[in-house]
Amino acid sequence: MDEVKQLVTDIKNGNLKPIYFLMGEEPYYIDKISDFIENSVLSEEERGFNQMVLYGRDVTVEDVVGHAKRFPMMAEYQVVIVKEAQDLSRTIEKFASYAANPQPTTILVVDYKYKKLDKRKALYKAINKVGVVFESKKLYENQVSDWIRRVLASKKYTITPKAAQMLVEFLGTDLSKINNELEKLQIILPKETQITPEHIEENIGISKDYNNFELRKAIGERNTQKTYKIIKYFGDNPKDNPMVVTVSLLFNFFSQLLHLHGLSDKSPRHVAQALKVNPYYVNEYLTAAKNYPMRKVSSVVATLREFDVKSKGVGSNAVPQGDLLKELMVRILN
């Protein structure tokens, strides 16, 4: 995120490069940077003659280079943006000759999503000398809550840890999807609001009481009554609560408990660092570790592997999700 801020600051200050090659697994920042260049480098009057948006599926590398070599009309720069450039992946190295001697009055932006350049090859080396190669890396799940908090802080909002976790569990690590939901909340809620699970439930439709976050907590506490209430809800609403997601999250949780049992230093601060979890959740892990000795945790991990296969329809003979979940909970809690 600091690299993105620096890029935006440089562009605002007029420190422009002839080529911006935006690549990587996370499309969110690729779109953000590309859109910022599209909307800010040229004035509205200049864009009509000097800004062009191309799509990888519709052009060749030679077409793009041809446009990039043109001169601007009544402006200092022209901007050429190639969206979905991953469709040119088979011939992308042909850009190398242009990158070695780019048109100084052209700003070429290449959006190369879900792929990366080979750093050993000529194209990467040529762009790196004269322009910007930005790699947008996918965030790990345990990093997304902090990302949500930083994004909201920049807009003068805060969010509770549980509310952030609900978004991550429901939307995964897709930053664009998460950002869309955050923007909806910002329209509804005034600045300086702390976003709570109630806001998430009311405005996004994620249950604050019946979700994987609450299930994990109930299992960790060995709260049998609450656990079975949640899985009954999951069984009644299978489309919103797919078992494969539940099993995956529980597998990660019990794998972390195995790691916790192996720690010599179980102070809250060290546990948070070792497990890479928000300090807010440390007591939840410590409670679960007391309730599940290492031998039991190992057994649960093996059980979850078994049910991961069953949740995908292998060897379960079309057993309803609700019944599979009940069987799984019996195996975990007993």
Protein backbone atom coordinates (compact mmCIF):
# COMPACT_ATOMS: atom_id res chain seq x y z
CA MET A 1 0.00 0.00 0.00
CA ASP A 2 2.93 2.36 0.68
CA GLU A 3 4.21 1.68 -2.83
CA VAL A 4 0.80 2.61 -4.25
CA LYS A 5 0.74 5.86 -2.25
CA GLN A 6 4.21 6.75 -3.51
CA LEU A 7 3.20 6.04 -7.10
CA VAL A 8 0.12 8.25 -6.79
CA THR A 9 2.13 11.02 -5.13
CA ASP A 10 4.74 10.97 -7.91
CA ILE A 11 2.04 11.17 -10.58
CA LYS A 12 0.32 14.06 -8.78
CA ASN A 13 3.66 15.88 -8.61
CA GLY A 14 4.20 15.44 -12.34
CA ASN A 15 6.98 12.88 -11.93
CA LEU A 16 5.71 10.77 -14.81
CA LYS A 17 7.25 7.70 -16.41
CA PRO A 18 6.86 6.63 -20.06
CA ILE A 19 5.67 3.13 -19.12
CA TYR A 20 3.62 1.80 -16.20
CA PHE A 21 3.45 -1.98 -16.30
CA LEU A 22 0.90 -3.06 -13.66
CA MET A 23 0.88 -6.80 -13.06
CA GLY A 24 0.01 -9.44 -10.48
CA GLU A 25 -2.63 -11.58 -8.82
CA GLU A 26 -4.58 -8.79 -7.07
CA PRO A 27 -6.50 -6.71 -9.64
CA TYR A 28 -7.71 -4.11 -7.13
CA TYR A 29 -4.55 -1.99 -7.09
CA ILE A 30 -3.95 -2.45 -10.82
CA ASP A 31 -7.38 -0.93 -11.47
CA LYS A 32 -6.85 1.84 -8.91
CA ILE A 33 -3.53 3.00 -10.36
CA SER A 34 -4.71 2.67 -13.96
CA ASP A 35 -7.92 4.60 -13.24
CA PHE A 36 -5.98 7.30 -11.42
CA ILE A 37 -3.71 7.85 -14.43
CA GLU A 38 -6.70 7.78 -16.77
CA ASN A 39 -8.55 10.43 -14.77
CA SER A 40 -5.77 12.73 -13.61
CA VAL A 41 -2.83 13.07 -16.02
CA LEU A 42 -4.64 14.92 -18.80
CA SER A 43 -7.24 17.64 -18.49
CA GLU A 44 -10.74 16.90 -19.70
CA GLU A 45 -10.12 18.98 -22.84
CA GLU A 46 -6.89 17.14 -23.64
CA ARG A 47 -8.33 13.64 -23.30
CA GLY A 48 -10.43 13.80 -26.45
CA PHE A 49 -7.39 13.82 -28.75
CA ASN A 50 -4.67 12.45 -26.48
CA GLN A 51 -6.06 9.57 -24.46
CA MET A 52 -6.81 6.12 -25.79
CA VAL A 53 -8.07 3.01 -24.01
CA LEU A 54 -7.36 -0.30 -25.73
CA TYR A 55 -8.26 -3.87 -24.76
CA GLY A 56 -5.84 -6.78 -25.05
CA ARG A 57 -8.35 -9.05 -26.76
CA ASP A 58 -8.90 -6.50 -29.56
CA VAL A 59 -5.34 -5.45 -30.41
CA THR A 60 -1.85 -6.78 -31.08
CA VAL A 61 1.37 -5.62 -29.49
CA GLU A 62 2.20 -3.95 -32.81
CA ASP A 63 -1.09 -2.01 -32.69
CA VAL A 64 -0.30 -0.74 -29.20
CA VAL A 65 3.24 0.28 -30.16
CA GLY A 66 1.87 2.10 -33.21
CA HIS A 67 -0.43 4.17 -31.01
CA ALA A 68 2.30 4.75 -28.42
CA LYS A 69 4.69 6.20 -31.04
CA ARG A 70 2.29 8.96 -32.05
CA PHE A 71 2.79 12.52 -30.87
CA PRO A 72 0.28 14.35 -28.67
CA MET A 73 -1.93 17.07 -30.13
CA MET A 74 -1.85 20.43 -28.33
CA ALA A 75 -0.79 18.75 -25.08
CA GLU A 76 2.45 17.78 -23.36
CA TYR A 77 1.57 14.07 -23.23
CA GLN A 78 -0.68 11.45 -24.70
CA VAL A 79 -1.90 8.55 -22.54
CA VAL A 80 -2.37 5.03 -23.95
CA ILE A 81 -3.96 2.48 -21.60
CA VAL A 82 -4.09 -1.23 -22.43
CA LYS A 83 -6.68 -2.96 -20.25
CA GLU A 84 -6.88 -6.75 -19.88
CA ALA A 85 -3.38 -6.93 -21.37
CA GLN A 86 -3.03 -10.49 -20.07
CA ASP A 87 -4.80 -11.45 -23.30
CA LEU A 88 -1.51 -10.52 -25.00
CA SER A 89 0.57 -12.80 -22.76
CA ARG A 90 1.80 -15.00 -25.62
CA THR A 91 3.38 -12.05 -27.42
CA ILE A 92 4.00 -9.66 -24.52
CA GLU A 93 7.79 -9.82 -24.91
CA LYS A 94 7.43 -8.01 -28.25
CA PHE A 95 7.04 -4.82 -26.19
CA ALA A 96 10.76 -5.07 -25.34
CA SER A 97 12.00 -3.12 -28.36
CA TYR A 98 9.59 -0.25 -27.63
CA ALA A 99 10.46 -0.30 -23.93
CA ALA A 100 14.14 0.03 -24.81
CA ASN A 101 13.39 3.33 -26.57
CA PRO A 102 9.94 4.60 -25.51
CA GLN A 103 8.27 7.71 -26.88
CA PRO A 104 9.00 10.37 -24.19
CA THR A 105 5.71 12.19 -24.79
CA THR A 106 3.62 9.02 -24.33
CA ILE A 107 2.53 7.52 -21.04
CA LEU A 108 1.81 3.85 -21.74
CA VAL A 109 -0.15 1.98 -19.06
CA VAL A 110 -0.36 -1.82 -19.31
CA ASP A 111 -2.86 -3.63 -17.04
CA TYR A 112 -1.51 -7.20 -16.90
CA LYS A 113 -3.80 -8.93 -14.40
CA TYR A 114 -3.27 -12.36 -12.81
CA LYS A 115 0.12 -12.74 -14.53
CA LYS A 116 3.70 -11.56 -14.05
CA LEU A 117 6.60 -10.76 -16.32
CA ASP A 118 9.63 -13.01 -16.26
CA LYS A 119 12.26 -10.84 -14.55
CA ARG A 120 15.02 -12.61 -16.44
CA LYS A 121 13.76 -11.50 -19.83
CA ALA A 122 14.35 -8.37 -21.88
CA LEU A 123 10.95 -6.72 -21.39
CA TYR A 124 11.11 -6.60 -17.61
CA LYS A 125 14.70 -5.31 -17.67
CA ALA A 126 13.90 -2.64 -20.26
CA ILE A 127 10.83 -1.30 -18.44
CA ASN A 128 12.62 -1.35 -15.11
CA LYS A 129 15.25 1.04 -16.51
CA VAL A 130 12.86 3.70 -17.81
CA GLY A 131 9.48 3.12 -16.23
CA VAL A 132 7.57 1.42 -13.41
CA VAL A 133 6.90 -2.27 -12.96
CA PHE A 134 4.34 -2.62 -10.19
CA GLU A 135 3.43 -6.05 -8.84
CA SER A 136 0.07 -6.25 -7.08
CA LYS A 137 0.31 -9.21 -4.73
CA LYS A 138 -2.65 -11.11 -3.33
CA LEU A 139 -3.14 -10.50 0.37
CA TYR A 140 -3.25 -13.44 2.75
CA GLU A 141 -6.50 -13.84 4.64
CA ASN A 142 -4.90 -12.73 7.91
CA GLN A 143 -3.82 -9.46 6.25
CA VAL A 144 -7.21 -8.44 4.89
CA SER A 145 -8.73 -7.25 8.19
CA ASP A 146 -5.86 -4.78 8.62
CA TRP A 147 -6.34 -3.66 5.01
CA ILE A 148 -10.04 -3.00 5.71
CA ARG A 149 -9.12 -0.98 8.79
CA ARG A 150 -6.57 1.14 6.87
CA VAL A 151 -8.95 1.81 3.98
CA LEU A 152 -11.71 2.90 6.34
CA ALA A 153 -9.33 5.02 8.42
CA SER A 154 -8.37 6.95 5.28
CA LYS A 155 -12.09 7.76 4.87
CA LYS A 156 -12.51 8.69 8.58
CA TYR A 157 -14.28 5.49 9.66
CA THR A 158 -13.34 2.76 12.10
CA ILE A 159 -14.48 -0.86 12.31
CA THR A 160 -14.64 -3.43 15.10
CA PRO A 161 -12.47 -6.55 14.71
CA LYS A 162 -15.53 -8.79 14.57
CA ALA A 163 -17.16 -6.71 11.81
CA ALA A 164 -13.95 -6.82 9.74
CA GLN A 165 -13.70 -10.58 10.25
CA MET A 166 -17.30 -11.04 9.11
CA LEU A 167 -16.48 -9.28 5.83
CA VAL A 168 -13.38 -11.42 5.28
CA GLU A 169 -15.21 -14.68 5.98
CA PHE A 170 -18.14 -13.75 3.74
CA LEU A 171 -16.23 -12.13 0.86
CA GLY A 172 -12.84 -13.85 1.08
CA THR A 173 -9.72 -11.95 -0.01
CA ASP A 174 -11.20 -10.25 -3.08
CA LEU A 175 -10.34 -6.62 -2.34
CA SER A 176 -12.59 -5.25 -5.08
CA LYS A 177 -15.65 -7.02 -3.64
CA ILE A 178 -14.80 -5.89 -0.13
CA ASN A 179 -14.21 -2.32 -1.25
CA ASN A 180 -17.60 -2.27 -3.02
CA GLU A 181 -19.32 -3.24 0.25
CA LEU A 182 -17.28 -0.68 2.21
CA GLU A 183 -18.33 2.03 -0.24
CA LYS A 184 -21.99 1.08 0.29
CA LEU A 185 -21.52 1.47 4.04
CA GLN A 186 -19.83 4.85 3.56
CA ILE A 187 -22.86 6.09 1.60
CA ILE A 188 -25.22 5.00 4.38
CA LEU A 189 -23.19 5.84 7.48
CA PRO A 190 -21.80 9.29 8.44
CA LYS A 191 -18.07 9.85 8.82
CA GLU A 192 -16.52 9.08 12.23
CA THR A 193 -18.86 6.05 12.56
CA GLN A 194 -17.46 2.85 14.00
CA ILE A 195 -18.78 0.05 11.79
CA THR A 196 -20.16 -2.81 13.90
CA PRO A 197 -21.47 -6.34 13.24
CA GLU A 198 -24.97 -4.86 13.41
CA HIS A 199 -24.15 -2.47 10.54
CA ILE A 200 -22.79 -5.39 8.51
CA GLU A 201 -25.88 -7.49 9.17
CA GLU A 202 -28.36 -4.71 8.42
CA ASN A 203 -26.72 -3.34 5.29
CA ILE A 204 -24.80 -6.25 3.73
CA GLY A 205 -26.89 -9.20 4.89
CA ILE A 206 -24.27 -11.21 6.77
CA SER A 207 -25.68 -12.64 10.00
CA LYS A 208 -23.79 -11.39 13.05
CA ASP A 209 -24.83 -14.44 15.11
CA TYR A 210 -24.77 -17.25 12.54
CA ASN A 211 -21.47 -17.19 10.69
CA ASN A 212 -18.20 -19.11 10.62
CA PHE A 213 -16.59 -16.64 13.00
CA GLU A 214 -19.21 -17.40 15.68
CA LEU A 215 -19.08 -21.13 14.92
CA ARG A 216 -15.32 -21.19 15.43
CA LYS A 217 -15.69 -19.35 18.72
CA ALA A 218 -18.46 -21.67 19.95
CA ILE A 219 -16.43 -24.77 19.08
CA GLY A 220 -13.36 -23.33 20.79
CA GLU A 221 -15.41 -22.73 23.95
CA ARG A 222 -17.02 -26.20 23.63
CA ASN A 223 -20.38 -24.42 23.71
CA THR A 224 -22.42 -27.31 22.36
CA GLN A 225 -25.77 -25.52 22.36
CA LYS A 226 -24.52 -22.53 20.39
CA THR A 227 -22.56 -24.75 17.99
CA TYR A 228 -25.63 -26.79 17.04
CA LYS A 229 -27.78 -23.67 16.65
CA ILE A 230 -25.30 -22.28 14.14
CA ILE A 231 -24.93 -25.47 12.12
CA LYS A 232 -28.72 -25.84 12.00
CA TYR A 233 -28.83 -22.35 10.47
CA PHE A 234 -26.07 -23.36 8.03
CA GLY A 235 -28.00 -26.52 7.09
CA ASP A 236 -31.14 -24.47 6.46
CA ASN A 237 -29.21 -21.90 4.37
CA PRO A 238 -26.59 -23.97 2.51
CA LYS A 239 -26.12 -21.54 -0.40
CA ASP A 240 -25.07 -18.72 1.92
CA ASN A 241 -22.95 -21.01 4.09
CA PRO A 242 -21.22 -23.61 1.91
CA MET A 243 -19.76 -26.45 3.93
CA VAL A 244 -16.50 -26.42 1.99
CA VAL A 245 -15.80 -22.90 3.33
CA THR A 246 -16.70 -23.88 6.89
CA VAL A 247 -14.43 -26.92 6.81
CA SER A 248 -11.56 -24.88 5.37
CA LEU A 249 -11.84 -22.22 8.07
CA LEU A 250 -12.04 -24.80 10.85
CA PHE A 251 -9.04 -26.62 9.40
CA ASN A 252 -7.03 -23.39 9.51
CA PHE A 253 -8.20 -22.75 13.08
CA PHE A 254 -7.19 -26.18 14.41
CA SER A 255 -3.92 -26.04 12.47
CA GLN A 256 -3.18 -22.80 14.31
CA LEU A 257 -4.05 -24.52 17.60
CA LEU A 258 -1.44 -27.17 16.79
CA HIS A 259 1.08 -24.40 16.30
CA LEU A 260 -0.03 -22.77 19.57
CA HIS A 261 0.47 -25.99 21.52
CA GLY A 262 4.02 -26.12 20.22
CA LEU A 263 4.91 -22.60 21.43
CA SER A 264 7.09 -22.31 24.51
CA ASP A 265 6.06 -18.67 24.99
CA LYS A 266 2.27 -18.46 25.23
CA SER A 267 2.06 -14.80 26.22
CA PRO A 268 -0.74 -13.04 24.29
CA ARG A 269 1.67 -10.81 22.37
CA HIS A 270 3.86 -13.71 21.24
CA VAL A 271 0.83 -15.84 20.33
CA ALA A 272 -0.56 -13.02 18.15
CA GLN A 273 2.80 -12.70 16.36
CA ALA A 274 3.37 -16.44 15.96
CA LEU A 275 -0.13 -17.22 14.67
CA LYS A 276 -0.39 -13.95 12.70
CA VAL A 277 -3.76 -13.13 14.20
CA ASN A 278 -5.23 -9.89 15.51
CA PRO A 279 -4.44 -9.56 19.25
CA TYR A 280 -8.19 -9.15 19.78
CA TYR A 281 -8.64 -12.88 19.05
CA VAL A 282 -5.78 -14.26 21.14
CA ASN A 283 -7.95 -15.15 24.15
CA GLU A 284 -10.21 -17.13 21.83
CA TYR A 285 -7.22 -19.24 20.75
CA LEU A 286 -5.92 -19.65 24.30
CA THR A 287 -9.36 -20.81 25.50
CA ALA A 288 -9.60 -23.31 22.65
CA ALA A 289 -6.12 -24.63 23.41
CA LYS A 290 -7.20 -25.36 27.00
CA ASN A 291 -10.32 -27.15 25.79
CA TYR A 292 -8.51 -29.17 23.10
CA PRO A 293 -5.23 -30.85 24.12
CA MET A 294 -2.67 -31.44 21.39
CA ARG A 295 -3.71 -35.07 20.84
CA LYS A 296 -7.35 -34.04 20.37
CA VAL A 297 -6.35 -31.19 18.02
CA SER A 298 -4.39 -33.65 15.87
CA SER A 299 -7.43 -35.92 15.75
CA VAL A 300 -9.70 -33.01 14.75
CA VAL A 301 -7.33 -31.97 11.96
CA ALA A 302 -7.47 -35.52 10.56
CA THR A 303 -11.28 -35.48 10.84
CA LEU A 304 -11.49 -32.15 9.00
CA ARG A 305 -9.37 -33.56 6.17
CA GLU A 306 -11.86 -36.42 5.88
CA PHE A 307 -14.85 -34.06 5.83
CA ASP A 308 -13.17 -31.72 3.36
CA VAL A 309 -13.37 -34.58 0.85
CA LYS A 310 -16.97 -35.38 1.84
CA SER A 311 -18.02 -31.71 1.53
CA LYS A 312 -16.91 -31.88 -2.10
CA GLY A 313 -19.22 -34.85 -2.73
CA VAL A 314 -16.67 -37.66 -2.56
CA GLY A 315 -17.89 -40.69 -0.61
CA SER A 316 -20.79 -38.90 1.04
CA ASN A 317 -23.54 -40.46 -1.13
CA ALA A 318 -25.39 -37.13 -1.54
CA VAL A 319 -25.80 -36.69 2.23
CA PRO A 320 -27.40 -33.26 2.93
CA GLN A 321 -24.97 -30.59 4.11
CA GLY A 322 -26.84 -30.19 7.40
CA ASP A 323 -26.41 -33.87 8.25
CA LEU A 324 -22.72 -33.82 7.35
CA LEU A 325 -22.18 -30.78 9.57
CA LYS A 326 -23.92 -32.47 12.49
CA GLU A 327 -21.74 -35.54 12.09
CA LEU A 328 -18.65 -33.35 11.92
CA MET A 329 -19.59 -31.44 15.09
CA VAL A 330 -20.19 -34.69 16.97
CA ARG A 331 -16.72 -35.87 15.97
CA ILE A 332 -15.11 -32.57 17.01
CA LEU A 333 -16.93 -31.97 20.29
CA ASN A 334 -16.90 -35.52 21.66
